[in-house]
N, C-alpha and C. Protein backbone atom coordinates (compact mmCIF):
# COMPACT_ATOMS: atom_id res chain seq x y z
N MET A 1 -2.91 10.80 -0.60
CA MET A 1 -4.22 10.14 -0.61
C MET A 1 -4.93 10.47 -1.91
N VAL A 2 -5.65 9.52 -2.40
CA VAL A 2 -6.39 9.68 -3.64
C VAL A 2 -7.72 10.37 -3.34
N ASP A 3 -8.14 11.23 -4.24
CA ASP A 3 -9.43 11.91 -4.13
C ASP A 3 -10.53 10.85 -4.04
N PRO A 4 -11.36 10.86 -2.97
CA PRO A 4 -12.39 9.82 -2.82
C PRO A 4 -13.46 9.83 -3.89
N THR A 5 -13.53 10.89 -4.70
CA THR A 5 -14.52 10.93 -5.78
C THR A 5 -13.94 10.46 -7.10
N SER A 6 -12.66 10.08 -7.13
CA SER A 6 -12.04 9.64 -8.37
C SER A 6 -12.35 8.19 -8.66
N ASP A 7 -11.98 7.75 -9.85
CA ASP A 7 -12.15 6.35 -10.25
C ASP A 7 -11.00 5.55 -9.68
N HIS A 8 -11.19 4.94 -8.51
CA HIS A 8 -10.12 4.22 -7.82
C HIS A 8 -9.67 2.97 -8.55
N HIS A 9 -10.44 2.48 -9.47
CA HIS A 9 -10.06 1.25 -10.15
C HIS A 9 -9.19 1.51 -11.38
N GLU A 10 -8.75 2.74 -11.59
CA GLU A 10 -7.96 3.06 -12.77
C GLU A 10 -6.57 3.58 -12.40
N ASP A 11 -5.55 2.78 -12.67
CA ASP A 11 -4.15 3.19 -12.56
C ASP A 11 -3.77 3.79 -11.20
N ILE A 12 -4.12 3.13 -10.12
CA ILE A 12 -3.76 3.58 -8.78
C ILE A 12 -2.71 2.62 -8.22
N ASP A 13 -1.61 3.16 -7.71
CA ASP A 13 -0.60 2.34 -7.05
C ASP A 13 -1.11 1.93 -5.67
N GLU A 14 -0.72 0.74 -5.21
CA GLU A 14 -1.16 0.27 -3.89
C GLU A 14 -0.76 1.21 -2.78
N GLU A 15 0.41 1.85 -2.88
CA GLU A 15 0.86 2.77 -1.83
C GLU A 15 0.00 4.03 -1.75
N ASP A 16 -0.69 4.39 -2.84
CA ASP A 16 -1.55 5.56 -2.85
C ASP A 16 -3.02 5.20 -2.67
N ALA A 17 -3.33 3.92 -2.69
CA ALA A 17 -4.72 3.47 -2.64
C ALA A 17 -5.26 3.49 -1.22
N PRO A 18 -6.57 3.68 -1.09
CA PRO A 18 -7.18 3.56 0.24
C PRO A 18 -7.18 2.11 0.68
N ASN A 19 -7.29 1.88 1.98
CA ASN A 19 -7.36 0.51 2.52
C ASN A 19 -8.79 0.20 2.89
N CYS A 20 -9.16 -1.07 2.76
CA CYS A 20 -10.48 -1.54 3.13
C CYS A 20 -10.68 -1.36 4.64
N GLU A 21 -11.81 -0.82 5.04
CA GLU A 21 -12.12 -0.59 6.46
C GLU A 21 -12.26 -1.90 7.24
N VAL A 22 -12.55 -3.00 6.56
CA VAL A 22 -12.78 -4.27 7.24
C VAL A 22 -11.54 -5.15 7.25
N CYS A 23 -10.98 -5.43 6.09
CA CYS A 23 -9.85 -6.37 6.03
C CYS A 23 -8.49 -5.69 5.91
N GLY A 24 -8.48 -4.39 5.64
CA GLY A 24 -7.23 -3.65 5.57
C GLY A 24 -6.47 -3.75 4.26
N ALA A 25 -6.99 -4.50 3.30
CA ALA A 25 -6.31 -4.66 2.02
C ALA A 25 -6.32 -3.34 1.24
N PRO A 26 -5.20 -3.04 0.55
CA PRO A 26 -5.21 -1.84 -0.29
C PRO A 26 -6.17 -2.06 -1.46
N ILE A 27 -6.89 -1.03 -1.84
CA ILE A 27 -7.88 -1.14 -2.91
C ILE A 27 -7.34 -0.40 -4.11
N ALA A 28 -6.61 -1.10 -4.96
CA ALA A 28 -6.00 -0.51 -6.14
C ALA A 28 -6.50 -1.22 -7.38
N ASN A 29 -7.07 -0.46 -8.28
CA ASN A 29 -7.50 -0.97 -9.58
C ASN A 29 -8.53 -2.09 -9.46
N GLU A 30 -9.43 -1.98 -8.50
CA GLU A 30 -10.46 -2.98 -8.27
C GLU A 30 -11.83 -2.41 -8.64
N VAL A 31 -12.53 -3.07 -9.53
CA VAL A 31 -13.86 -2.61 -9.91
C VAL A 31 -14.89 -2.94 -8.83
N THR A 32 -14.51 -3.76 -7.84
CA THR A 32 -15.42 -4.12 -6.75
C THR A 32 -15.38 -3.10 -5.61
N HIS A 33 -14.55 -2.07 -5.72
CA HIS A 33 -14.37 -1.03 -4.69
C HIS A 33 -15.72 -0.37 -4.38
N ARG A 34 -16.01 -0.25 -3.10
CA ARG A 34 -17.22 0.42 -2.63
C ARG A 34 -16.81 1.53 -1.66
N VAL A 35 -17.55 2.62 -1.66
CA VAL A 35 -17.27 3.75 -0.77
C VAL A 35 -18.58 4.22 -0.16
N ILE A 36 -18.54 4.50 1.13
CA ILE A 36 -19.69 5.11 1.82
C ILE A 36 -19.22 6.48 2.30
N THR A 37 -20.05 7.49 2.11
CA THR A 37 -19.73 8.85 2.53
C THR A 37 -20.85 9.35 3.43
N TRP A 38 -20.48 10.06 4.51
CA TRP A 38 -21.48 10.62 5.42
C TRP A 38 -20.90 11.88 6.06
N ILE A 39 -21.77 12.62 6.70
CA ILE A 39 -21.38 13.84 7.42
C ILE A 39 -21.39 13.55 8.91
N ALA A 40 -20.28 13.88 9.58
CA ALA A 40 -20.19 13.73 11.04
C ALA A 40 -19.38 14.91 11.57
N ASP A 41 -19.90 15.55 12.60
CA ASP A 41 -19.22 16.68 13.21
C ASP A 41 -18.88 17.75 12.17
N ASP A 42 -19.82 18.03 11.28
CA ASP A 42 -19.67 19.05 10.25
C ASP A 42 -18.53 18.80 9.27
N SER A 43 -18.13 17.55 9.09
CA SER A 43 -17.12 17.22 8.08
C SER A 43 -17.52 15.95 7.34
N VAL A 44 -17.01 15.82 6.14
CA VAL A 44 -17.30 14.66 5.32
C VAL A 44 -16.39 13.51 5.73
N GLN A 45 -16.98 12.35 5.95
CA GLN A 45 -16.26 11.12 6.32
C GLN A 45 -16.46 10.10 5.20
N THR A 46 -15.47 9.27 4.96
CA THR A 46 -15.61 8.21 3.97
C THR A 46 -15.06 6.91 4.52
N ALA A 47 -15.61 5.82 4.04
CA ALA A 47 -15.12 4.48 4.37
C ALA A 47 -15.03 3.72 3.05
N HIS A 48 -13.90 3.08 2.83
CA HIS A 48 -13.65 2.33 1.60
C HIS A 48 -13.70 0.83 1.89
N PHE A 49 -14.18 0.07 0.92
CA PHE A 49 -14.32 -1.37 1.05
C PHE A 49 -13.85 -2.04 -0.23
N CYS A 50 -13.18 -3.19 -0.10
CA CYS A 50 -12.65 -3.87 -1.28
C CYS A 50 -13.74 -4.57 -2.09
N ASP A 51 -14.84 -4.93 -1.44
CA ASP A 51 -15.94 -5.56 -2.16
C ASP A 51 -17.23 -5.46 -1.34
N GLU A 52 -18.29 -5.96 -1.89
CA GLU A 52 -19.59 -5.86 -1.24
C GLU A 52 -19.66 -6.69 0.04
N ASP A 53 -18.93 -7.81 0.11
CA ASP A 53 -18.92 -8.62 1.33
C ASP A 53 -18.33 -7.84 2.50
N CYS A 54 -17.19 -7.16 2.28
CA CYS A 54 -16.61 -6.34 3.34
C CYS A 54 -17.53 -5.18 3.69
N ARG A 55 -18.17 -4.61 2.69
CA ARG A 55 -19.11 -3.51 2.95
C ARG A 55 -20.25 -3.98 3.85
N ALA A 56 -20.77 -5.17 3.58
CA ALA A 56 -21.88 -5.71 4.36
C ALA A 56 -21.44 -6.05 5.79
N GLU A 57 -20.18 -6.40 5.96
CA GLU A 57 -19.65 -6.77 7.28
C GLU A 57 -19.38 -5.56 8.18
N TRP A 58 -19.17 -4.40 7.59
CA TRP A 58 -18.81 -3.18 8.34
C TRP A 58 -19.97 -2.74 9.22
N ASP A 59 -19.66 -2.37 10.46
CA ASP A 59 -20.71 -1.94 11.37
C ASP A 59 -20.73 -0.42 11.59
N GLY A 60 -19.85 0.30 10.92
CA GLY A 60 -19.87 1.76 11.00
C GLY A 60 -19.13 2.35 12.17
N GLU A 61 -18.41 1.57 12.93
CA GLU A 61 -17.67 2.12 14.06
C GLU A 61 -16.23 2.36 13.70
């Protein structure tokens, strides 16, 4: 897994890339990549999105 704080749009293979929480597409080398980070149950959680449309569609569940 790629470090969620790294620049995901630079030289990432699809097999190592995170998948969009909404559409499931691998997010490799995309400048439209969005990430949300939050704390739940005393641990850091992240959700990755391929673009702003998928981010807006996500309901957080």
